[in-house]
Amino acid sequence: MASILKVNEIQHTGGTSALTTDTSGRVFRSNIPHFIAGCSSSAGVNYTAWTKFPFTKTTHAGIPQSSDFDDSNNRYIAPVAGLYWFSWHARFDSIAAASYIQTEMRVNGTSVSKYRGLNGPPPDTYLSIGSHGIIQLNASDYVEAWVNINGDTSVNIDNDANFHGYLIG
């Protein structure tokens, strides 16, 4: 015989809410590790060697900033082990016609080859590139976005560049 557990909220013994349900049966988790980071626009940057994107945490669409994003090192540090979803996107303006961009996500400084990107040459004077995927992390592992541009030593990064992620399970 099946059992039914009827609750509106599940809490830690210390009183912190972990899960709630509404009358439609939707389940809400109150504290999901997440982050949103962005870049300020910059002009004349040389990315001709592998360089970490200068992402820093930001507030977007009312989503609060994450204390797990390390602004001084431009990286997300996983607070708990699990599967995480990551995504990032950047647009480079004023890029030379014969140039191309390589990008990658790195975990603890090591490239995650399946999340590499390559784009170029530009159809106009800009290129947009990004990557997304699921990565298994241990607590204290970190994730960064890196870029390398071949063929142009002075490009502008557009201020709509973003990097975000969250724990999925």
N, C-alpha and C. Protein backbone atom coordinates (compact mmCIF):
# COMPACT_ATOMS: atom_id res chain seq x y z
N MET A 1 0.83 -1.18 0.00
CA MET A 1 0.00 0.00 0.00
C MET A 1 0.88 1.25 0.00
N ALA A 2 0.54 2.22 -0.80
CA ALA A 2 1.30 3.47 -0.92
C ALA A 2 1.02 4.37 0.27
N SER A 3 2.00 5.18 0.61
CA SER A 3 1.85 6.15 1.70
C SER A 3 1.78 7.54 1.11
N ILE A 4 1.09 8.42 1.80
CA ILE A 4 0.98 9.83 1.40
C ILE A 4 1.48 10.68 2.55
N LEU A 5 2.39 11.57 2.24
CA LEU A 5 2.92 12.50 3.22
C LEU A 5 2.37 13.88 2.86
N LYS A 6 1.63 14.49 3.74
CA LYS A 6 1.03 15.80 3.46
C LYS A 6 1.72 16.86 4.31
N VAL A 7 2.51 17.72 3.62
CA VAL A 7 3.21 18.82 4.30
C VAL A 7 3.20 20.04 3.39
N ASN A 8 3.30 21.20 4.00
CA ASN A 8 3.44 22.44 3.24
C ASN A 8 4.89 22.89 3.17
N GLU A 9 5.67 22.46 4.19
CA GLU A 9 7.05 22.92 4.27
C GLU A 9 7.92 21.87 4.94
N ILE A 10 9.16 21.76 4.43
CA ILE A 10 10.17 20.93 5.06
C ILE A 10 11.28 21.85 5.52
N GLN A 11 11.67 21.71 6.79
CA GLN A 11 12.69 22.56 7.38
C GLN A 11 13.84 21.74 7.94
N HIS A 12 14.99 22.40 8.03
CA HIS A 12 16.14 21.87 8.76
C HIS A 12 15.80 21.93 10.25
N THR A 13 16.45 21.13 11.07
CA THR A 13 16.16 21.14 12.51
C THR A 13 16.42 22.51 13.13
N GLY A 14 17.24 23.33 12.49
CA GLY A 14 17.50 24.68 12.97
C GLY A 14 16.43 25.68 12.58
N GLY A 15 15.43 25.24 11.80
CA GLY A 15 14.33 26.12 11.41
C GLY A 15 14.41 26.71 10.02
N THR A 16 15.50 26.49 9.30
CA THR A 16 15.65 27.01 7.95
C THR A 16 14.76 26.23 6.99
N SER A 17 13.95 26.95 6.21
CA SER A 17 13.06 26.31 5.24
C SER A 17 13.88 25.74 4.08
N ALA A 18 13.60 24.49 3.72
CA ALA A 18 14.30 23.85 2.61
C ALA A 18 13.40 23.66 1.40
N LEU A 19 12.18 23.20 1.62
CA LEU A 19 11.21 22.96 0.54
C LEU A 19 9.84 23.42 0.98
N THR A 20 9.10 23.99 0.05
CA THR A 20 7.69 24.30 0.29
C THR A 20 6.90 23.82 -0.92
N THR A 21 5.60 23.59 -0.72
CA THR A 21 4.71 23.26 -1.83
C THR A 21 3.52 24.20 -1.79
N ASP A 22 2.96 24.48 -2.96
CA ASP A 22 1.75 25.30 -2.99
C ASP A 22 0.55 24.40 -3.25
N THR A 23 -0.62 24.99 -3.34
CA THR A 23 -1.85 24.20 -3.49
C THR A 23 -1.94 23.50 -4.85
N SER A 24 -1.12 23.89 -5.81
CA SER A 24 -1.11 23.23 -7.12
C SER A 24 -0.11 22.07 -7.17
N GLY A 25 0.66 21.87 -6.09
CA GLY A 25 1.63 20.79 -6.06
C GLY A 25 3.01 21.17 -6.53
N ARG A 26 3.22 22.46 -6.82
CA ARG A 26 4.55 22.90 -7.24
C ARG A 26 5.48 22.91 -6.03
N VAL A 27 6.72 22.47 -6.24
CA VAL A 27 7.71 22.40 -5.17
C VAL A 27 8.71 23.53 -5.36
N PHE A 28 9.03 24.22 -4.28
CA PHE A 28 9.96 25.34 -4.32
C PHE A 28 11.11 25.07 -3.36
N ARG A 29 12.34 25.27 -3.86
CA ARG A 29 13.53 25.18 -3.00
C ARG A 29 13.96 26.61 -2.70
N SER A 30 14.16 26.91 -1.44
CA SER A 30 14.38 28.30 -1.04
C SER A 30 15.82 28.79 -1.20
N ASN A 31 16.78 27.92 -1.25
CA ASN A 31 18.17 28.37 -1.26
C ASN A 31 18.99 27.55 -2.26
N ILE A 32 18.80 27.80 -3.53
CA ILE A 32 19.53 27.09 -4.58
C ILE A 32 20.81 27.86 -4.89
N PRO A 33 21.99 27.22 -4.78
CA PRO A 33 23.22 27.92 -5.17
C PRO A 33 23.13 28.39 -6.63
N HIS A 34 23.44 29.66 -6.84
CA HIS A 34 23.32 30.26 -8.17
C HIS A 34 24.21 31.50 -8.25
N PHE A 35 24.39 32.01 -9.46
CA PHE A 35 25.07 33.29 -9.63
C PHE A 35 24.72 33.87 -10.99
N ILE A 36 24.87 35.19 -11.07
CA ILE A 36 24.81 35.93 -12.32
C ILE A 36 25.98 36.90 -12.28
N ALA A 37 26.79 36.89 -13.34
CA ALA A 37 27.94 37.80 -13.42
C ALA A 37 27.90 38.50 -14.78
N GLY A 38 28.50 39.65 -14.84
CA GLY A 38 28.54 40.39 -16.09
C GLY A 38 29.90 41.05 -16.28
N CYS A 39 30.07 41.69 -17.43
CA CYS A 39 31.29 42.44 -17.75
C CYS A 39 30.91 43.88 -18.05
N SER A 40 31.74 44.79 -17.62
CA SER A 40 31.59 46.17 -18.07
C SER A 40 32.16 46.24 -19.47
N SER A 41 31.61 47.13 -20.28
CA SER A 41 32.18 47.26 -21.62
C SER A 41 33.60 47.80 -21.48
N SER A 42 34.45 47.36 -22.39
CA SER A 42 35.83 47.82 -22.37
C SER A 42 36.31 47.96 -23.80
N ALA A 43 37.22 48.87 -24.01
CA ALA A 43 37.72 49.14 -25.35
C ALA A 43 39.20 48.85 -25.43
N GLY A 44 39.63 48.39 -26.61
CA GLY A 44 41.04 48.22 -26.89
C GLY A 44 41.72 47.13 -26.08
N VAL A 45 41.01 46.06 -25.76
CA VAL A 45 41.59 44.99 -24.95
C VAL A 45 42.33 44.00 -25.85
N ASN A 46 43.47 43.52 -25.39
CA ASN A 46 44.26 42.54 -26.12
C ASN A 46 44.01 41.16 -25.52
N TYR A 47 43.32 40.29 -26.26
CA TYR A 47 43.02 38.92 -25.83
C TYR A 47 43.77 37.92 -26.70
N THR A 48 45.00 38.26 -27.16
CA THR A 48 45.71 37.37 -28.07
C THR A 48 46.38 36.20 -27.37
N ALA A 49 46.31 36.13 -26.07
CA ALA A 49 46.72 34.95 -25.30
C ALA A 49 45.50 34.53 -24.49
N TRP A 50 45.44 33.29 -24.05
CA TRP A 50 44.30 32.85 -23.24
C TRP A 50 44.17 33.76 -22.03
N THR A 51 42.97 34.37 -21.90
CA THR A 51 42.69 35.35 -20.85
C THR A 51 41.34 35.04 -20.22
N LYS A 52 41.29 35.14 -18.91
CA LYS A 52 40.02 34.92 -18.21
C LYS A 52 39.11 36.13 -18.44
N PHE A 53 37.83 35.86 -18.73
CA PHE A 53 36.87 36.96 -18.85
C PHE A 53 36.79 37.72 -17.53
N PRO A 54 36.68 39.04 -17.59
CA PRO A 54 36.62 39.84 -16.35
C PRO A 54 35.20 39.92 -15.77
N PHE A 55 34.57 38.77 -15.58
CA PHE A 55 33.21 38.76 -15.03
C PHE A 55 33.23 39.10 -13.54
N THR A 56 32.23 39.86 -13.11
CA THR A 56 32.00 40.13 -11.69
C THR A 56 30.51 39.99 -11.42
N LYS A 57 30.17 39.63 -10.18
CA LYS A 57 28.77 39.37 -9.86
C LYS A 57 27.93 40.63 -10.04
N THR A 58 26.67 40.42 -10.35
CA THR A 58 25.77 41.51 -10.61
C THR A 58 24.36 41.11 -10.19
N THR A 59 23.48 42.07 -10.09
CA THR A 59 22.07 41.79 -9.85
C THR A 59 21.36 41.99 -11.18
N HIS A 60 20.52 41.04 -11.56
CA HIS A 60 19.81 41.12 -12.83
C HIS A 60 18.38 40.64 -12.63
N ALA A 61 17.43 41.38 -13.11
CA ALA A 61 16.02 41.01 -13.06
C ALA A 61 15.57 40.65 -11.65
N GLY A 62 16.13 41.34 -10.66
CA GLY A 62 15.72 41.12 -9.28
C GLY A 62 16.32 39.90 -8.61
N ILE A 63 17.17 39.15 -9.32
CA ILE A 63 17.81 37.98 -8.73
C ILE A 63 18.97 38.47 -7.88
N PRO A 64 19.03 38.08 -6.60
CA PRO A 64 20.08 38.59 -5.73
C PRO A 64 21.47 38.09 -6.12
N GLN A 65 22.47 38.87 -5.73
CA GLN A 65 23.86 38.48 -5.99
C GLN A 65 24.22 37.24 -5.19
N SER A 66 25.15 36.48 -5.71
CA SER A 66 25.61 35.26 -5.05
C SER A 66 26.89 35.52 -4.28
N SER A 67 26.95 35.05 -3.06
CA SER A 67 28.19 35.17 -2.29
C SER A 67 29.22 34.13 -2.76
N ASP A 68 28.81 33.20 -3.64
CA ASP A 68 29.71 32.15 -4.11
C ASP A 68 30.50 32.55 -5.34
N PHE A 69 30.25 33.74 -5.89
CA PHE A 69 31.04 34.22 -7.02
C PHE A 69 32.17 35.07 -6.48
N ASP A 70 33.40 34.74 -6.87
CA ASP A 70 34.60 35.41 -6.40
C ASP A 70 34.99 36.49 -7.41
N ASP A 71 34.63 37.74 -7.10
CA ASP A 71 34.93 38.86 -8.01
C ASP A 71 36.42 39.07 -8.21
N SER A 72 37.21 38.89 -7.17
CA SER A 72 38.65 39.16 -7.30
C SER A 72 39.35 38.17 -8.22
N ASN A 73 38.77 36.97 -8.39
CA ASN A 73 39.35 35.97 -9.29
C ASN A 73 38.45 35.64 -10.48
N ASN A 74 37.32 36.35 -10.61
CA ASN A 74 36.39 36.18 -11.73
C ASN A 74 35.97 34.73 -11.92
N ARG A 75 35.50 34.09 -10.85
CA ARG A 75 35.13 32.68 -10.92
C ARG A 75 34.00 32.36 -9.95
N TYR A 76 33.28 31.29 -10.29
CA TYR A 76 32.25 30.77 -9.40
C TYR A 76 32.85 29.62 -8.61
N ILE A 77 32.62 29.61 -7.29
CA ILE A 77 33.11 28.55 -6.42
C ILE A 77 31.91 27.79 -5.88
N ALA A 78 31.84 26.50 -6.18
CA ALA A 78 30.70 25.68 -5.76
C ALA A 78 30.66 25.55 -4.24
N PRO A 79 29.53 25.92 -3.62
CA PRO A 79 29.43 25.78 -2.17
C PRO A 79 29.14 24.33 -1.73
N VAL A 80 28.54 23.54 -2.62
CA VAL A 80 28.22 22.14 -2.34
C VAL A 80 28.46 21.31 -3.60
N ALA A 81 28.67 20.02 -3.40
CA ALA A 81 28.86 19.12 -4.54
C ALA A 81 27.54 18.91 -5.26
N GLY A 82 27.60 18.68 -6.58
CA GLY A 82 26.39 18.40 -7.34
C GLY A 82 26.58 18.70 -8.82
N LEU A 83 25.47 18.54 -9.55
CA LEU A 83 25.43 18.90 -10.97
C LEU A 83 25.02 20.35 -11.09
N TYR A 84 25.77 21.11 -11.88
CA TYR A 84 25.50 22.53 -12.07
C TYR A 84 25.30 22.81 -13.56
N TRP A 85 24.41 23.75 -13.86
CA TRP A 85 24.21 24.27 -15.20
C TRP A 85 24.95 25.60 -15.29
N PHE A 86 25.78 25.76 -16.33
CA PHE A 86 26.51 27.00 -16.57
C PHE A 86 26.24 27.49 -17.98
N SER A 87 26.24 28.80 -18.14
CA SER A 87 26.08 29.40 -19.45
C SER A 87 26.78 30.74 -19.45
N TRP A 88 27.37 31.09 -20.57
CA TRP A 88 27.95 32.42 -20.70
C TRP A 88 27.87 32.85 -22.16
N HIS A 89 27.93 34.15 -22.36
CA HIS A 89 27.83 34.72 -23.71
C HIS A 89 28.58 36.05 -23.71
N ALA A 90 29.26 36.35 -24.81
CA ALA A 90 29.95 37.62 -24.95
C ALA A 90 29.93 38.08 -26.40
N ARG A 91 29.91 39.39 -26.58
CA ARG A 91 29.99 39.98 -27.91
C ARG A 91 31.22 40.87 -27.96
N PHE A 92 32.00 40.69 -29.01
CA PHE A 92 33.21 41.49 -29.22
C PHE A 92 32.97 42.41 -30.41
N ASP A 93 33.17 43.70 -30.20
CA ASP A 93 32.99 44.70 -31.25
C ASP A 93 34.35 45.17 -31.77
N SER A 94 34.32 45.77 -32.95
CA SER A 94 35.52 46.34 -33.58
C SER A 94 36.61 45.28 -33.74
N ILE A 95 36.21 44.13 -34.26
CA ILE A 95 37.16 43.04 -34.44
C ILE A 95 37.56 42.96 -35.91
N ALA A 96 38.83 42.72 -36.15
CA ALA A 96 39.37 42.70 -37.51
C ALA A 96 38.75 41.56 -38.34
N ALA A 97 38.64 41.78 -39.63
CA ALA A 97 37.96 40.85 -40.54
C ALA A 97 38.56 39.45 -40.57
N ALA A 98 39.85 39.31 -40.38
CA ALA A 98 40.48 37.99 -40.49
C ALA A 98 40.60 37.28 -39.13
N SER A 99 39.97 37.82 -38.11
CA SER A 99 40.13 37.28 -36.76
C SER A 99 39.17 36.14 -36.47
N TYR A 100 39.52 35.36 -35.46
CA TYR A 100 38.58 34.38 -34.92
C TYR A 100 38.78 34.29 -33.41
N ILE A 101 37.74 33.81 -32.73
CA ILE A 101 37.74 33.74 -31.27
C ILE A 101 37.65 32.29 -30.84
N GLN A 102 38.46 31.94 -29.86
CA GLN A 102 38.36 30.65 -29.20
C GLN A 102 37.93 30.92 -27.75
N THR A 103 37.05 30.09 -27.21
CA THR A 103 36.62 30.26 -25.83
C THR A 103 36.52 28.89 -25.18
N GLU A 104 36.52 28.89 -23.87
CA GLU A 104 36.34 27.64 -23.14
C GLU A 104 35.95 27.91 -21.70
N MET A 105 35.30 26.92 -21.10
CA MET A 105 35.07 26.93 -19.66
C MET A 105 36.17 26.08 -19.04
N ARG A 106 36.61 26.49 -17.87
CA ARG A 106 37.63 25.72 -17.16
C ARG A 106 37.14 25.40 -15.75
N VAL A 107 37.40 24.18 -15.31
CA VAL A 107 37.10 23.75 -13.96
C VAL A 107 38.42 23.54 -13.24
N ASN A 108 38.62 24.26 -12.16
CA ASN A 108 39.86 24.19 -11.38
C ASN A 108 41.09 24.40 -12.28
N GLY A 109 40.94 25.27 -13.28
CA GLY A 109 42.05 25.61 -14.17
C GLY A 109 42.23 24.71 -15.36
N THR A 110 41.41 23.65 -15.49
CA THR A 110 41.54 22.69 -16.59
C THR A 110 40.38 22.86 -17.57
N SER A 111 40.71 22.92 -18.84
CA SER A 111 39.69 23.10 -19.89
C SER A 111 38.68 21.95 -19.89
N VAL A 112 37.42 22.30 -20.05
CA VAL A 112 36.36 21.32 -20.27
C VAL A 112 36.13 21.33 -21.78
N SER A 113 36.78 20.43 -22.49
CA SER A 113 36.85 20.50 -23.94
C SER A 113 35.49 20.48 -24.62
N LYS A 114 34.50 19.81 -24.07
CA LYS A 114 33.20 19.79 -24.73
C LYS A 114 32.47 21.13 -24.65
N TYR A 115 32.98 22.06 -23.84
CA TYR A 115 32.37 23.38 -23.75
C TYR A 115 33.29 24.46 -24.30
N ARG A 116 34.00 24.11 -25.38
CA ARG A 116 34.82 25.07 -26.10
C ARG A 116 34.01 25.66 -27.24
N GLY A 117 34.41 26.84 -27.67
CA GLY A 117 33.76 27.47 -28.80
C GLY A 117 34.78 28.04 -29.75
N LEU A 118 34.40 28.18 -31.01
CA LEU A 118 35.24 28.78 -32.03
C LEU A 118 34.32 29.54 -32.98
N ASN A 119 34.66 30.79 -33.27
CA ASN A 119 33.81 31.60 -34.13
C ASN A 119 34.70 32.54 -34.93
N GLY A 120 34.41 32.66 -36.21
CA GLY A 120 35.13 33.62 -37.04
C GLY A 120 35.31 33.10 -38.45
N PRO A 121 35.75 33.91 -39.37
CA PRO A 121 35.94 35.35 -39.23
C PRO A 121 34.59 36.08 -39.15
N PRO A 122 34.59 37.31 -38.66
CA PRO A 122 33.33 38.02 -38.45
C PRO A 122 32.66 38.41 -39.77
N PRO A 123 31.32 38.33 -39.82
CA PRO A 123 30.61 38.77 -41.01
C PRO A 123 30.58 40.29 -41.11
N ASP A 124 30.77 40.95 -40.01
CA ASP A 124 30.79 42.40 -39.93
C ASP A 124 31.97 42.75 -39.04
N THR A 125 31.82 43.69 -38.14
CA THR A 125 32.94 44.03 -37.25
C THR A 125 32.72 43.50 -35.83
N TYR A 126 31.83 42.53 -35.66
CA TYR A 126 31.63 41.97 -34.33
C TYR A 126 31.43 40.46 -34.42
N LEU A 127 31.69 39.79 -33.31
CA LEU A 127 31.43 38.36 -33.18
C LEU A 127 30.78 38.12 -31.83
N SER A 128 29.80 37.25 -31.80
CA SER A 128 29.19 36.81 -30.55
C SER A 128 29.50 35.34 -30.36
N ILE A 129 29.79 34.95 -29.15
CA ILE A 129 30.11 33.57 -28.87
C ILE A 129 29.74 33.25 -27.43
N GLY A 130 29.45 31.99 -27.18
CA GLY A 130 29.11 31.57 -25.83
C GLY A 130 29.14 30.06 -25.73
N SER A 131 28.82 29.58 -24.55
CA SER A 131 28.80 28.15 -24.30
C SER A 131 27.88 27.88 -23.12
N HIS A 132 27.40 26.65 -23.05
CA HIS A 132 26.59 26.25 -21.90
C HIS A 132 26.69 24.75 -21.73
N GLY A 133 26.42 24.30 -20.52
CA GLY A 133 26.47 22.86 -20.28
C GLY A 133 26.36 22.52 -18.81
N ILE A 134 26.32 21.23 -18.54
CA ILE A 134 26.20 20.69 -17.19
C ILE A 134 27.56 20.15 -16.76
N ILE A 135 27.96 20.51 -15.55
CA ILE A 135 29.26 20.08 -15.03
C ILE A 135 29.07 19.54 -13.62
N GLN A 136 29.68 18.39 -13.34
CA GLN A 136 29.70 17.82 -11.99
C GLN A 136 30.81 18.49 -11.21
N LEU A 137 30.47 19.08 -10.07
CA LEU A 137 31.47 19.76 -9.24
C LEU A 137 31.47 19.19 -7.82
N ASN A 138 32.61 19.24 -7.20
CA ASN A 138 32.72 18.99 -5.76
C ASN A 138 32.67 20.33 -5.06
N ALA A 139 32.36 20.34 -3.77
CA ALA A 139 32.39 21.58 -3.01
C ALA A 139 33.78 22.19 -3.13
N SER A 140 33.86 23.49 -3.34
CA SER A 140 35.09 24.28 -3.49
C SER A 140 35.71 24.20 -4.88
N ASP A 141 35.17 23.39 -5.82
CA ASP A 141 35.62 23.47 -7.21
C ASP A 141 35.23 24.83 -7.76
N TYR A 142 35.98 25.31 -8.77
CA TYR A 142 35.62 26.60 -9.35
C TYR A 142 35.53 26.50 -10.87
N VAL A 143 34.72 27.40 -11.45
CA VAL A 143 34.49 27.44 -12.89
C VAL A 143 34.77 28.85 -13.38
N GLU A 144 35.47 28.94 -14.53
CA GLU A 144 35.82 30.22 -15.14
C GLU A 144 35.56 30.16 -16.64
N ALA A 145 35.39 31.32 -17.26
CA ALA A 145 35.25 31.43 -18.71
C ALA A 145 36.51 32.12 -19.25
N TRP A 146 37.09 31.55 -20.33
CA TRP A 146 38.34 32.05 -20.90
C TRP A 146 38.16 32.35 -22.39
N VAL A 147 39.00 33.26 -22.91
CA VAL A 147 38.92 33.65 -24.31
C VAL A 147 40.33 33.85 -24.88
N ASN A 148 40.44 33.61 -26.19
CA ASN A 148 41.68 33.84 -26.94
C ASN A 148 41.28 34.33 -28.33
N ILE A 149 41.78 35.48 -28.73
CA ILE A 149 41.43 36.03 -30.05
C ILE A 149 42.67 36.01 -30.94
N ASN A 150 42.54 35.43 -32.11
CA ASN A 150 43.63 35.35 -33.06
C ASN A 150 43.37 36.35 -34.18
N GLY A 151 44.31 37.25 -34.42
CA GLY A 151 44.21 38.16 -35.55
C GLY A 151 43.88 39.59 -35.20
N ASP A 152 43.65 39.91 -33.92
CA ASP A 152 43.33 41.28 -33.55
C ASP A 152 43.81 41.53 -32.13
N THR A 153 44.62 42.55 -31.94
CA THR A 153 45.17 42.84 -30.61
C THR A 153 44.39 43.91 -29.87
N SER A 154 43.33 44.45 -30.46
CA SER A 154 42.58 45.53 -29.83
C SER A 154 41.10 45.39 -30.15
N VAL A 155 40.34 44.77 -29.25
CA VAL A 155 38.90 44.60 -29.47
C VAL A 155 38.13 45.22 -28.33
N ASN A 156 36.86 45.46 -28.56
CA ASN A 156 35.97 45.99 -27.53
C ASN A 156 35.03 44.87 -27.10
N ILE A 157 34.91 44.68 -25.78
CA ILE A 157 33.93 43.72 -25.28
C ILE A 157 32.67 44.51 -24.95
N ASP A 158 31.54 44.03 -25.42
CA ASP A 158 30.26 44.70 -25.21
C ASP A 158 29.77 44.44 -23.79
N ASN A 159 29.05 45.40 -23.20
CA ASN A 159 28.65 45.27 -21.81
C ASN A 159 27.49 44.29 -21.57
N ASP A 160 26.99 43.64 -22.62
CA ASP A 160 25.94 42.64 -22.38
C ASP A 160 26.51 41.24 -22.17
N ALA A 161 27.83 41.12 -22.02
CA ALA A 161 28.44 39.83 -21.72
C ALA A 161 27.94 39.34 -20.37
N ASN A 162 27.67 38.03 -20.27
CA ASN A 162 27.15 37.50 -19.02
C ASN A 162 27.60 36.06 -18.80
N PHE A 163 27.60 35.66 -17.54
CA PHE A 163 28.02 34.33 -17.10
C PHE A 163 27.10 33.97 -15.95
N HIS A 164 26.45 32.83 -16.03
CA HIS A 164 25.54 32.47 -14.95
C HIS A 164 25.46 30.95 -14.78
N GLY A 165 24.98 30.53 -13.63
CA GLY A 165 24.85 29.12 -13.37
C GLY A 165 24.08 28.85 -12.09
N TYR A 166 23.71 27.58 -11.91
CA TYR A 166 22.99 27.21 -10.70
C TYR A 166 23.04 25.69 -10.51
N LEU A 167 22.84 25.28 -9.28
CA LEU A 167 22.80 23.87 -8.92
C LEU A 167 21.50 23.26 -9.44
N ILE A 168 21.60 22.16 -10.18
CA ILE A 168 20.39 21.50 -10.66
C ILE A 168 20.11 20.20 -9.90
N GLY A 169 21.09 19.67 -9.22
CA GLY A 169 20.81 18.47 -8.43
C GLY A 169 22.05 17.82 -7.90
